[in-house]
């Protein structure tokens, strides 16, 4: 949950994004991988929460597209604040159910992480000239890094909750999980995603220390986003059975695209903010965020189709 989180500075998540909005919303009763209950899916799909998340990522993506043309666009930087704020509101809108699944602490940390990522770009929305100052860049990288680390703690708490729940043996569902598990995601999936968020966050804190360019910071961000995507991939059979493989594959693709953008900067860490390297990075951010939005829309559509046939 907490995608976020979302970008050279500010690009999330995604994964956290899919895990917070999708994995934690999975039904607790057995569902056959090929014959999911339409009525159950319809009642379990958090339409409002997912819609806010999708809108947030879409606006976030639009902001990055606008920044490709104009790095000092007030409108673009405002969208960089509004987007993650909507993601946070989406998490909060489903807080009751999420809290029962992964614990109130994990939900709060995920929401605060998203808000922190929004705050990371707030100075630029107020005054884009802050991008030209070392202090302004340090604030952006640092705040985003903290947001990612909060996402790490959120997933780590969910992992601990799963371990506690598994102390009580349960029946194995056809989809491959234990019916009484609070968190359906596997240990491998959660551990990989948590490690990815940790490295991603540390990478941005390294960039805060060296705002002029840090190869190690960008390398850690590259590895971190790749691990987040790998964590989701490790759970694709279970997630795909509930929410559709196309939706999950789209979410995975978004994380790998962010990783590609970070890799470009790792190859040339001293590239200026107005360089072609950053243009490529912003394209990766924009497409990655847009794919996350599409993934959430696909999940919403699947839920509505299930409700119509219930």
C-alpha atoms as a PDB file:
ATOM      1  CA  UNK A   1       0.000   0.000   0.000  1.00  0.00           C
ATOM      2  CA  UNK A   2       1.069   1.221  -0.479  1.00  0.00           C
ATOM      3  CA  UNK A   3       2.237   1.874  -4.540  1.00  0.00           C
ATOM      4  CA  UNK A   4       3.705   3.999  -3.993  1.00  0.00           C
ATOM      5  CA  UNK A   5       6.314   4.383  -3.500  1.00  0.00           C
ATOM      6  CA  UNK A   6       5.723   6.256  -7.106  1.00  0.00           C
ATOM      7  CA  UNK A   7       9.430   7.558  -9.124  1.00  0.00           C
ATOM      8  CA  UNK A   8      12.776   9.342  -9.491  1.00  0.00           C
ATOM      9  CA  UNK A   9      11.301  11.180  -6.968  1.00  0.00           C
ATOM     10  CA  UNK A  10       7.878  10.164  -6.547  1.00  0.00           C
ATOM     11  CA  UNK A  11       6.704   7.205  -8.376  1.00  0.00           C
ATOM     12  CA  UNK A  12       5.149   4.198  -6.248  1.00  0.00           C
ATOM     13  CA  UNK A  13       4.393   1.935  -6.410  1.00  0.00           C
ATOM     14  CA  UNK A  14       3.188   0.221  -7.378  1.00  0.00           C
ATOM     15  CA  UNK A  15       3.053  -2.552  -5.997  1.00  0.00           C
ATOM     16  CA  UNK A  16       2.217  -1.536  -2.860  1.00  0.00           C
ATOM     17  CA  UNK A  17      -0.378  -0.150  -4.918  1.00  0.00           C
ATOM     18  CA  UNK A  18      -1.736  -3.436  -6.199  1.00  0.00           C
ATOM     19  CA  UNK A  19      -1.138  -5.254  -2.880  1.00  0.00           C
ATOM     20  CA  UNK A  20      -2.933  -2.553  -0.866  1.00  0.00           C
ATOM     21  CA  UNK A  21      -5.907  -2.127  -3.198  1.00  0.00           C
ATOM     22  CA  UNK A  22      -6.236  -5.694  -4.446  1.00  0.00           C
ATOM     23  CA  UNK A  23      -4.517  -8.422  -2.413  1.00  0.00           C
ATOM     24  CA  UNK A  24      -5.829  -7.245   0.926  1.00  0.00           C
ATOM     25  CA  UNK A  25      -9.366  -7.037  -0.441  1.00  0.00           C
ATOM     26  CA  UNK A  26      -9.479 -10.731  -1.339  1.00  0.00           C
ATOM     27  CA  UNK A  27     -12.401 -12.759   0.044  1.00  0.00           C
ATOM     28  CA  UNK A  28     -11.690 -14.976   3.056  1.00  0.00           C
ATOM     29  CA  UNK A  29     -13.802 -17.905   1.869  1.00  0.00           C
ATOM     30  CA  UNK A  30     -12.579 -20.584  -0.546  1.00  0.00           C
ATOM     31  CA  UNK A  31     -12.792 -19.674  -4.240  1.00  0.00           C
ATOM     32  CA  UNK A  32     -12.072 -22.079  -7.033  1.00  0.00           C
ATOM     33  CA  UNK A  33      -9.424 -20.652  -9.342  1.00  0.00           C
ATOM     34  CA  UNK A  34     -11.540 -21.262 -12.400  1.00  0.00           C
ATOM     35  CA  UNK A  35     -15.042 -20.838 -10.962  1.00  0.00           C
ATOM     36  CA  UNK A  36     -15.045 -17.816  -8.632  1.00  0.00           C
ATOM     37  CA  UNK A  37     -18.353 -16.958  -7.049  1.00  0.00           C
ATOM     38  CA  UNK A  38     -19.888 -14.039  -8.926  1.00  0.00           C
ATOM     39  CA  UNK A  39     -22.003 -12.901  -5.998  1.00  0.00           C
ATOM     40  CA  UNK A  40     -19.086 -13.012  -3.585  1.00  0.00           C
ATOM     41  CA  UNK A  41     -16.827 -11.113  -5.947  1.00  0.00           C
ATOM     42  CA  UNK A  42     -19.462  -8.470  -6.403  1.00  0.00           C
ATOM     43  CA  UNK A  43     -19.867  -7.892  -2.685  1.00  0.00           C
ATOM     44  CA  UNK A  44     -16.140  -7.923  -2.006  1.00  0.00           C
ATOM     45  CA  UNK A  45     -14.966  -5.536  -4.723  1.00  0.00           C
ATOM     46  CA  UNK A  46     -14.190  -2.166  -3.053  1.00  0.00           C
ATOM     47  CA  UNK A  47     -15.385  -0.025  -5.960  1.00  0.00           C
ATOM     48  CA  UNK A  48     -15.014   3.363  -4.247  1.00  0.00           C
ATOM     49  CA  UNK A  49     -11.532   2.598  -2.958  1.00  0.00           C
ATOM     50  CA  UNK A  50     -10.341   1.217  -6.286  1.00  0.00           C
ATOM     51  CA  UNK A  51     -11.920   4.098  -8.213  1.00  0.00           C
ATOM     52  CA  UNK A  52     -10.123   6.682  -6.075  1.00  0.00           C
ATOM     53  CA  UNK A  53      -6.878   4.765  -6.533  1.00  0.00           C
ATOM     54  CA  UNK A  54      -7.335   4.553 -10.295  1.00  0.00           C
ATOM     55  CA  UNK A  55      -8.160   8.267 -10.555  1.00  0.00           C
ATOM     56  CA  UNK A  56      -5.166   9.103  -8.392  1.00  0.00           C
ATOM     57  CA  UNK A  57      -2.738   7.137 -10.542  1.00  0.00           C
ATOM     58  CA  UNK A  58      -4.281   8.517 -13.736  1.00  0.00           C
ATOM     59  CA  UNK A  59      -3.803  12.116 -12.563  1.00  0.00           C
ATOM     60  CA  UNK A  60      -0.326  11.223 -11.341  1.00  0.00           C
ATOM     61  CA  UNK A  61       0.481   9.895 -14.825  1.00  0.00           C
ATOM     62  CA  UNK A  62      -0.948  13.008 -16.479  1.00  0.00           C
ATOM     63  CA  UNK A  63       1.318  15.129 -14.310  1.00  0.00           C
ATOM     64  CA  UNK A  64       4.390  13.242 -15.519  1.00  0.00           C
ATOM     65  CA  UNK A  65       3.311  13.566 -19.149  1.00  0.00           C
ATOM     66  CA  UNK A  66       2.958  17.328 -18.689  1.00  0.00           C
ATOM     67  CA  UNK A  67       6.398  17.551 -17.067  1.00  0.00           C
ATOM     68  CA  UNK A  68       7.970  15.974 -20.142  1.00  0.00           C
ATOM     69  CA  UNK A  69       7.043  19.105 -22.081  1.00  0.00           C
ATOM     70  CA  UNK A  70       7.544  21.640 -19.284  1.00  0.00           C
ATOM     71  CA  UNK A  71       9.552  20.835 -16.142  1.00  0.00           C
ATOM     72  CA  UNK A  72       8.234  24.008 -14.452  1.00  0.00           C
ATOM     73  CA  UNK A  73       4.531  23.416 -15.083  1.00  0.00           C
ATOM     74  CA  UNK A  74       2.533  24.411 -11.996  1.00  0.00           C
ATOM     75  CA  UNK A  75      -0.386  22.264 -13.154  1.00  0.00           C
ATOM     76  CA  UNK A  76       1.852  19.221 -13.548  1.00  0.00           C
ATOM     77  CA  UNK A  77       3.357  19.525 -10.068  1.00  0.00           C
ATOM     78  CA  UNK A  78      -0.078  20.101  -8.552  1.00  0.00           C
ATOM     79  CA  UNK A  79      -1.180  16.801 -10.114  1.00  0.00           C
ATOM     80  CA  UNK A  80       1.870  15.180  -8.496  1.00  0.00           C
ATOM     81  CA  UNK A  81       0.360  16.184  -5.157  1.00  0.00           C
ATOM     82  CA  UNK A  82      -3.288  15.438  -5.928  1.00  0.00           C
ATOM     83  CA  UNK A  83      -2.568  11.984  -7.418  1.00  0.00           C
ATOM     84  CA  UNK A  84      -0.964  10.322  -4.379  1.00  0.00           C
ATOM     85  CA  UNK A  85      -3.398  12.125  -2.072  1.00  0.00           C
ATOM     86  CA  UNK A  86      -6.285  10.391  -3.865  1.00  0.00           C
ATOM     87  CA  UNK A  87      -4.451   7.069  -3.522  1.00  0.00           C
ATOM     88  CA  UNK A  88      -4.221   7.695   0.232  1.00  0.00           C
ATOM     89  CA  UNK A  89      -7.935   8.579   0.392  1.00  0.00           C
ATOM     90  CA  UNK A  90      -8.692   5.363  -1.489  1.00  0.00           C
ATOM     91  CA  UNK A  91      -6.855   3.373   1.175  1.00  0.00           C
ATOM     92  CA  UNK A  92      -8.649   5.228   3.974  1.00  0.00           C
ATOM     93  CA  UNK A  93     -12.038   4.684   2.278  1.00  0.00           C
ATOM     94  CA  UNK A  94     -11.572   0.939   2.725  1.00  0.00           C
ATOM     95  CA  UNK A  95      -9.867   1.118   6.096  1.00  0.00           C
ATOM     96  CA  UNK A  96     -12.389  -1.017   8.016  1.00  0.00           C
ATOM     97  CA  UNK A  97     -11.998  -4.056   5.790  1.00  0.00           C
ATOM     98  CA  UNK A  98      -8.254  -3.589   5.297  1.00  0.00           C
ATOM     99  CA  UNK A  99      -7.720  -3.259   9.042  1.00  0.00           C
ATOM    100  CA  UNK A 100      -9.431  -6.612   9.618  1.00  0.00           C
ATOM    101  CA  UNK A 101      -7.229  -8.209   6.993  1.00  0.00           C
ATOM    102  CA  UNK A 102      -3.773  -6.765   7.659  1.00  0.00           C
ATOM    103  CA  UNK A 103      -4.168  -4.711  10.835  1.00  0.00           C
ATOM    104  CA  UNK A 104      -4.884  -1.058  11.496  1.00  0.00           C
ATOM    105  CA  UNK A 105      -1.174  -0.230  11.882  1.00  0.00           C
ATOM    106  CA  UNK A 106      -0.371  -1.507   8.386  1.00  0.00           C
ATOM    107  CA  UNK A 107      -3.261   0.440   6.869  1.00  0.00           C
ATOM    108  CA  UNK A 108      -2.317   3.682   8.633  1.00  0.00           C
ATOM    109  CA  UNK A 109       1.331   3.346   7.619  1.00  0.00           C
ATOM    110  CA  UNK A 110       0.331   2.732   4.008  1.00  0.00           C
ATOM    111  CA  UNK A 111      -1.948   5.779   3.939  1.00  0.00           C
ATOM    112  CA  UNK A 112       0.638   7.998   5.631  1.00  0.00           C
ATOM    113  CA  UNK A 113       3.243   6.724   3.171  1.00  0.00           C
ATOM    114  CA  UNK A 114       1.079   7.829   0.244  1.00  0.00           C
ATOM    115  CA  UNK A 115       0.497  11.218   1.847  1.00  0.00           C
ATOM    116  CA  UNK A 116       4.235  11.610   2.444  1.00  0.00           C
ATOM    117  CA  UNK A 117       4.896  10.958  -1.241  1.00  0.00           C
ATOM    118  CA  UNK A 118       2.389  13.696  -2.080  1.00  0.00           C
ATOM    119  CA  UNK A 119       4.108  16.097   0.304  1.00  0.00           C
ATOM    120  CA  UNK A 120       7.427  15.321  -1.408  1.00  0.00           C
ATOM    121  CA  UNK A 121       6.328  17.284  -4.480  1.00  0.00           C
ATOM    122  CA  UNK A 122       4.359  19.988  -2.668  1.00  0.00           C
ATOM    123  CA  UNK A 123       7.216  22.559  -2.683  1.00  0.00           C
ATOM    124  CA  UNK A 124       7.487  22.257  -6.470  1.00  0.00           C
ATOM    125  CA  UNK A 125       3.726  22.740  -6.863  1.00  0.00           C
ATOM    126  CA  UNK A 126       4.035  25.964  -4.873  1.00  0.00           C
ATOM    127  CA  UNK A 127       7.233  27.137  -6.563  1.00  0.00           C
ATOM    128  CA  UNK A 128       8.773  25.072  -9.391  1.00  0.00           C
ATOM    129  CA  UNK A 129      12.025  27.049  -8.995  1.00  0.00           C
ATOM    130  CA  UNK A 130      12.691  24.882  -5.914  1.00  0.00           C
ATOM    131  CA  UNK A 131      13.824  22.224  -8.397  1.00  0.00           C
ATOM    132  CA  UNK A 132      16.924  24.306  -9.071  1.00  0.00           C
ATOM    133  CA  UNK A 133      18.049  24.284  -5.439  1.00  0.00           C
ATOM    134  CA  UNK A 134      19.911  21.507  -3.652  1.00  0.00           C
ATOM    135  CA  UNK A 135      17.694  21.910  -0.579  1.00  0.00           C
ATOM    136  CA  UNK A 136      14.563  21.561  -2.687  1.00  0.00           C
ATOM    137  CA  UNK A 137      15.834  18.379  -4.311  1.00  0.00           C
ATOM    138  CA  UNK A 138      16.906  16.961  -0.939  1.00  0.00           C
ATOM    139  CA  UNK A 139      13.427  17.516   0.448  1.00  0.00           C
ATOM    140  CA  UNK A 140      11.795  15.779  -2.513  1.00  0.00           C
ATOM    141  CA  UNK A 141      14.083  12.742  -2.458  1.00  0.00           C
ATOM    142  CA  UNK A 142      13.999  12.517   1.343  1.00  0.00           C
ATOM    143  CA  UNK A 143      10.226  12.731   1.701  1.00  0.00           C
ATOM    144  CA  UNK A 144       9.712  10.190  -1.047  1.00  0.00           C
ATOM    145  CA  UNK A 145      12.231   7.866   0.575  1.00  0.00           C
ATOM    146  CA  UNK A 146      10.405   8.119   3.902  1.00  0.00           C
ATOM    147  CA  UNK A 147       7.112   7.339   2.141  1.00  0.00           C
ATOM    148  CA  UNK A 148       8.633   4.201   0.647  1.00  0.00           C
ATOM    149  CA  UNK A 149      10.019   3.093   3.999  1.00  0.00           C
ATOM    150  CA  UNK A 150       6.556   3.518   5.518  1.00  0.00           C
ATOM    151  CA  UNK A 151       5.300   1.252   2.735  1.00  0.00           C
ATOM    152  CA  UNK A 152       7.977  -1.259   3.722  1.00  0.00           C
ATOM    153  CA  UNK A 153       6.809  -1.190   7.341  1.00  0.00           C
ATOM    154  CA  UNK A 154       3.207  -1.644   6.204  1.00  0.00           C
ATOM    155  CA  UNK A 155       4.031  -4.785   4.218  1.00  0.00           C
ATOM    156  CA  UNK A 156       6.316  -6.052   7.019  1.00  0.00           C
ATOM    157  CA  UNK A 157       3.435  -5.783   9.504  1.00  0.00           C
ATOM    158  CA  UNK A 158       1.161  -7.666   7.075  1.00  0.00           C
ATOM    159  CA  UNK A 159       3.841 -10.360   6.837  1.00  0.00           C
ATOM    160  CA  UNK A 160       4.032 -10.618  10.628  1.00  0.00           C
ATOM    161  CA  UNK A 161       0.235 -10.842  10.845  1.00  0.00           C
ATOM    162  CA  UNK A 162       0.219 -13.664   8.298  1.00  0.00           C
ATOM    163  CA  UNK A 163       2.836 -15.563  10.293  1.00  0.00           C
ATOM    164  CA  UNK A 164       0.741 -15.225  13.432  1.00  0.00           C
ATOM    165  CA  UNK A 165      -2.408 -16.404  11.633  1.00  0.00           C
ATOM    166  CA  UNK A 166      -0.648 -19.472  10.225  1.00  0.00           C
ATOM    167  CA  UNK A 167       0.012 -20.738  13.729  1.00  0.00           C
ATOM    168  CA  UNK A 168      -3.540 -22.054  13.463  1.00  0.00           C
ATOM    169  CA  UNK A 169      -3.764 -24.661  10.730  1.00  0.00           C
ATOM    170  CA  UNK A 170      -6.549 -24.221   8.184  1.00  0.00           C
ATOM    171  CA  UNK A 171      -8.000 -25.924   5.155  1.00  0.00           C
ATOM    172  CA  UNK A 172      -6.196 -25.288   1.900  1.00  0.00           C
ATOM    173  CA  UNK A 173      -8.355 -23.535  -0.715  1.00  0.00           C
ATOM    174  CA  UNK A 174      -8.491 -24.669  -4.374  1.00  0.00           C
ATOM    175  CA  UNK A 175      -6.777 -21.370  -5.209  1.00  0.00           C
ATOM    176  CA  UNK A 176      -3.791 -22.493  -3.150  1.00  0.00           C
ATOM    177  CA  UNK A 177      -4.131 -20.545   0.116  1.00  0.00           C
ATOM    178  CA  UNK A 178      -5.297 -21.412   3.610  1.00  0.00           C
ATOM    179  CA  UNK A 179      -8.912 -20.407   4.175  1.00  0.00           C
ATOM    180  CA  UNK A 180      -8.312 -18.914   7.614  1.00  0.00           C
ATOM    181  CA  UNK A 181      -5.320 -16.816   6.566  1.00  0.00           C
ATOM    182  CA  UNK A 182      -5.791 -13.111   7.230  1.00  0.00           C
ATOM    183  CA  UNK A 183      -3.381 -12.291   4.387  1.00  0.00           C
ATOM    184  CA  UNK A 184      -3.592 -14.446   1.269  1.00  0.00           C
ATOM    185  CA  UNK A 185      -0.290 -13.305  -0.258  1.00  0.00           C
ATOM    186  CA  UNK A 186       2.495 -15.862   0.168  1.00  0.00           C
ATOM    187  CA  UNK A 187       5.523 -15.359   2.398  1.00  0.00           C
ATOM    188  CA  UNK A 188       7.733 -15.203  -0.684  1.00  0.00           C
ATOM    189  CA  UNK A 189       5.556 -12.550  -2.301  1.00  0.00           C
ATOM    190  CA  UNK A 190       5.330 -10.368   0.816  1.00  0.00           C
ATOM    191  CA  UNK A 191       9.002 -10.746   1.733  1.00  0.00           C
ATOM    192  CA  UNK A 192      10.168  -9.899  -1.783  1.00  0.00           C
ATOM    193  CA  UNK A 193       7.901  -6.844  -1.994  1.00  0.00           C
ATOM    194  CA  UNK A 194       8.949  -5.653   1.477  1.00  0.00           C
ATOM    195  CA  UNK A 195      12.645  -5.990   0.621  1.00  0.00           C
ATOM    196  CA  UNK A 196      12.032  -4.120  -2.625  1.00  0.00           C
ATOM    197  CA  UNK A 197      10.347  -1.209  -0.833  1.00  0.00           C
ATOM    198  CA  UNK A 198      13.169  -1.121   1.712  1.00  0.00           C
ATOM    199  CA  UNK A 199      15.906  -0.904  -0.938  1.00  0.00           C
ATOM    200  CA  UNK A 200      13.846   1.575  -2.969  1.00  0.00           C
ATOM    201  CA  UNK A 201      13.448   3.829   0.071  1.00  0.00           C
ATOM    202  CA  UNK A 202      17.124   3.602   1.002  1.00  0.00           C
ATOM    203  CA  UNK A 203      18.010   4.480  -2.576  1.00  0.00           C
ATOM    204  CA  UNK A 204      16.017   7.711  -2.390  1.00  0.00           C
ATOM    205  CA  UNK A 205      17.539   8.600   0.971  1.00  0.00           C
ATOM    206  CA  UNK A 206      20.935   8.173  -0.689  1.00  0.00           C
ATOM    207  CA  UNK A 207      19.778  10.570  -3.426  1.00  0.00           C
ATOM    208  CA  UNK A 208      18.758  13.002  -0.690  1.00  0.00           C
ATOM    209  CA  UNK A 209      22.346  12.966   0.575  1.00  0.00           C
ATOM    210  CA  UNK A 210      23.712  13.423  -2.953  1.00  0.00           C
ATOM    211  CA  UNK A 211      21.025  15.355  -4.886  1.00  0.00           C
ATOM    212  CA  UNK A 212      23.514  16.053  -7.675  1.00  0.00           C
ATOM    213  CA  UNK A 213      23.473  12.374  -8.595  1.00  0.00           C
ATOM    214  CA  UNK A 214      24.175   9.059  -6.876  1.00  0.00           C
ATOM    215  CA  UNK A 215      24.753   5.928  -8.919  1.00  0.00           C
ATOM    216  CA  UNK A 216      24.228   3.732  -5.852  1.00  0.00           C
ATOM    217  CA  UNK A 217      20.959   5.501  -5.058  1.00  0.00           C
ATOM    218  CA  UNK A 218      19.572   4.884  -8.536  1.00  0.00           C
ATOM    219  CA  UNK A 219      20.835   1.275  -8.525  1.00  0.00           C
ATOM    220  CA  UNK A 220      19.026   0.583  -5.245  1.00  0.00           C
ATOM    221  CA  UNK A 221      15.865   2.174  -6.666  1.00  0.00           C
ATOM    222  CA  UNK A 222      16.181  -0.019  -9.772  1.00  0.00           C
ATOM    223  CA  UNK A 223      16.603  -3.207  -7.753  1.00  0.00           C
ATOM    224  CA  UNK A 224      13.844  -2.196  -5.342  1.00  0.00           C
ATOM    225  CA  UNK A 225      11.177  -1.644  -7.988  1.00  0.00           C
ATOM    226  CA  UNK A 226      12.184  -4.854  -9.749  1.00  0.00           C
ATOM    227  CA  UNK A 227      11.758  -6.775  -6.478  1.00  0.00           C
ATOM    228  CA  UNK A 228       8.326  -5.241  -5.895  1.00  0.00           C
ATOM    229  CA  UNK A 229       7.276  -6.393  -9.365  1.00  0.00           C
ATOM    230  CA  UNK A 230       8.768  -9.833  -8.675  1.00  0.00           C
ATOM    231  CA  UNK A 231       6.834 -10.057  -5.420  1.00  0.00           C
ATOM    232  CA  UNK A 232       3.553  -9.495  -7.245  1.00  0.00           C
ATOM    233  CA  UNK A 233       4.594 -11.946  -9.979  1.00  0.00           C
ATOM    234  CA  UNK A 234       5.234 -14.618  -7.340  1.00  0.00           C
ATOM    235  CA  UNK A 235       1.568 -14.367  -6.356  1.00  0.00           C
ATOM    236  CA  UNK A 236       0.101 -14.024  -9.852  1.00  0.00           C
ATOM    237  CA  UNK A 237      -1.764 -17.363  -9.857  1.00  0.00           C
ATOM    238  CA  UNK A 238      -3.753 -16.469  -6.751  1.00  0.00           C
ATOM    239  CA  UNK A 239      -4.294 -12.829  -7.704  1.00  0.00           C
ATOM    240  CA  UNK A 240      -5.116 -13.698 -11.308  1.00  0.00           C
ATOM    241  CA  UNK A 241      -7.783 -16.185 -10.236  1.00  0.00           C
ATOM    242  CA  UNK A 242      -9.560 -13.478  -8.251  1.00  0.00           C
ATOM    243  CA  UNK A 243      -8.970 -10.299 -10.201  1.00  0.00           C
ATOM    244  CA  UNK A 244      -8.004 -11.436 -13.686  1.00  0.00           C
ATOM    245  CA  UNK A 245      -4.546 -12.100 -15.094  1.00  0.00           C
ATOM    246  CA  UNK A 246      -4.693  -9.101 -17.415  1.00  0.00           C
ATOM    247  CA  UNK A 247      -5.187  -6.702 -14.488  1.00  0.00           C
ATOM    248  CA  UNK A 248      -2.358  -8.228 -12.473  1.00  0.00           C
ATOM    249  CA  UNK A 249      -0.011  -8.477 -15.479  1.00  0.00           C
ATOM    250  CA  UNK A 250      -0.643  -4.791 -16.204  1.00  0.00           C
ATOM    251  CA  UNK A 251       0.270  -3.893 -12.629  1.00  0.00           C
ATOM    252  CA  UNK A 252       3.446  -5.962 -12.834  1.00  0.00           C
ATOM    253  CA  UNK A 253       4.418  -4.287 -16.106  1.00  0.00           C
ATOM    254  CA  UNK A 254       4.041  -0.845 -14.510  1.00  0.00           C
ATOM    255  CA  UNK A 255       6.571  -1.677 -11.786  1.00  0.00           C
ATOM    256  CA  UNK A 256       9.107  -3.050 -14.280  1.00  0.00           C
ATOM    257  CA  UNK A 257       8.719   0.111 -16.381  1.00  0.00           C
ATOM    258  CA  UNK A 258       9.516   2.281 -13.345  1.00  0.00           C
ATOM    259  CA  UNK A 259      12.558   0.082 -12.783  1.00  0.00           C
ATOM    260  CA  UNK A 260      13.669   0.733 -16.371  1.00  0.00           C
ATOM    261  CA  UNK A 261      13.444   4.483 -15.777  1.00  0.00           C
ATOM    262  CA  UNK A 262      15.621   4.234 -12.687  1.00  0.00           C
ATOM    263  CA  UNK A 263      18.105   2.115 -14.610  1.00  0.00           C
ATOM    264  CA  UNK A 264      18.498   4.907 -17.153  1.00  0.00           C
ATOM    265  CA  UNK A 265      19.531   7.290 -14.383  1.00  0.00           C
ATOM    266  CA  UNK A 266      21.813   4.686 -12.832  1.00  0.00           C
ATOM    267  CA  UNK A 267      23.702   4.590 -16.145  1.00  0.00           C
ATOM    268  CA  UNK A 268      24.144   8.369 -16.075  1.00  0.00           C
ATOM    269  CA  UNK A 269      23.561   9.552 -12.466  1.00  0.00           C
ATOM    270  CA  UNK A 270      24.867  13.083 -13.033  1.00  0.00           C
ATOM    271  CA  UNK A 271      22.453  13.881 -15.872  1.00  0.00           C
ATOM    272  CA  UNK A 272      20.740  17.214 -15.346  1.00  0.00           C
ATOM    273  CA  UNK A 273      17.054  17.587 -14.533  1.00  0.00           C
ATOM    274  CA  UNK A 274      16.411  18.983 -18.032  1.00  0.00           C
ATOM    275  CA  UNK A 275      18.414  16.280 -19.829  1.00  0.00           C
ATOM    276  CA  UNK A 276      17.141  13.582 -22.189  1.00  0.00           C
ATOM    277  CA  UNK A 277      17.829  11.015 -19.476  1.00  0.00           C
ATOM    278  CA  UNK A 278      15.192  12.619 -17.258  1.00  0.00           C
ATOM    279  CA  UNK A 279      12.811  12.778 -20.191  1.00  0.00           C
ATOM    280  CA  UNK A 280      13.091   8.994 -20.514  1.00  0.00           C
ATOM    281  CA  UNK A 281      12.609   8.681 -16.761  1.00  0.00           C
ATOM    282  CA  UNK A 282       9.463  10.797 -16.863  1.00  0.00           C
ATOM    283  CA  UNK A 283       8.074   8.737 -19.750  1.00  0.00           C
ATOM    284  CA  UNK A 284       8.620   5.605 -17.656  1.00  0.00           C
ATOM    285  CA  UNK A 285       6.914   7.236 -14.670  1.00  0.00           C
ATOM    286  CA  UNK A 286       3.984   8.391 -16.788  1.00  0.00           C
ATOM    287  CA  UNK A 287       3.428   5.041 -18.519  1.00  0.00           C
ATOM    288  CA  UNK A 288       3.999   3.116 -15.282  1.00  0.00           C
ATOM    289  CA  UNK A 289       1.431   5.149 -13.357  1.00  0.00           C
ATOM    290  CA  UNK A 290      -1.028   4.961 -16.225  1.00  0.00           C
ATOM    291  CA  UNK A 291      -0.729   1.167 -16.341  1.00  0.00           C
ATOM    292  CA  UNK A 292      -1.388   1.008 -12.599  1.00  0.00           C
ATOM    293  CA  UNK A 293      -4.567   3.021 -13.137  1.00  0.00           C
ATOM    294  CA  UNK A 294      -5.604   0.699 -15.975  1.00  0.00           C
ATOM    295  CA  UNK A 295      -4.957  -2.324 -13.760  1.00  0.00           C
ATOM    296  CA  UNK A 296      -7.282  -0.986 -11.073  1.00  0.00           C
ATOM    297  CA  UNK A 297      -9.958  -0.159 -13.665  1.00  0.00           C
ATOM    298  CA  UNK A 298      -9.773  -3.736 -14.940  1.00  0.00           C
ATOM    299  CA  UNK A 299     -10.334  -5.029 -11.413  1.00  0.00           C
ATOM    300  CA  UNK A 300     -13.365  -2.735 -11.042  1.00  0.00           C
ATOM    301  CA  UNK A 301     -14.750  -3.929 -14.381  1.00  0.00           C
ATOM    302  CA  UNK A 302     -14.350  -7.571 -13.373  1.00  0.00           C
ATOM    303  CA  UNK A 303     -16.255  -6.896 -10.158  1.00  0.00           C
ATOM    304  CA  UNK A 304     -19.102  -5.199 -11.999  1.00  0.00           C
ATOM    305  CA  UNK A 305     -19.367  -8.014 -14.525  1.00  0.00           C
ATOM    306  CA  UNK A 306     -19.543 -10.496 -11.682  1.00  0.00           C
ATOM    307  CA  UNK A 307     -22.279  -8.439 -10.015  1.00  0.00           C
ATOM    308  CA  UNK A 308     -24.277  -8.331 -13.252  1.00  0.00           C
ATOM    309  CA  UNK A 309     -24.211 -12.097 -13.584  1.00  0.00           C
ATOM    310  CA  UNK A 310     -24.874 -12.808  -9.907  1.00  0.00           C
END
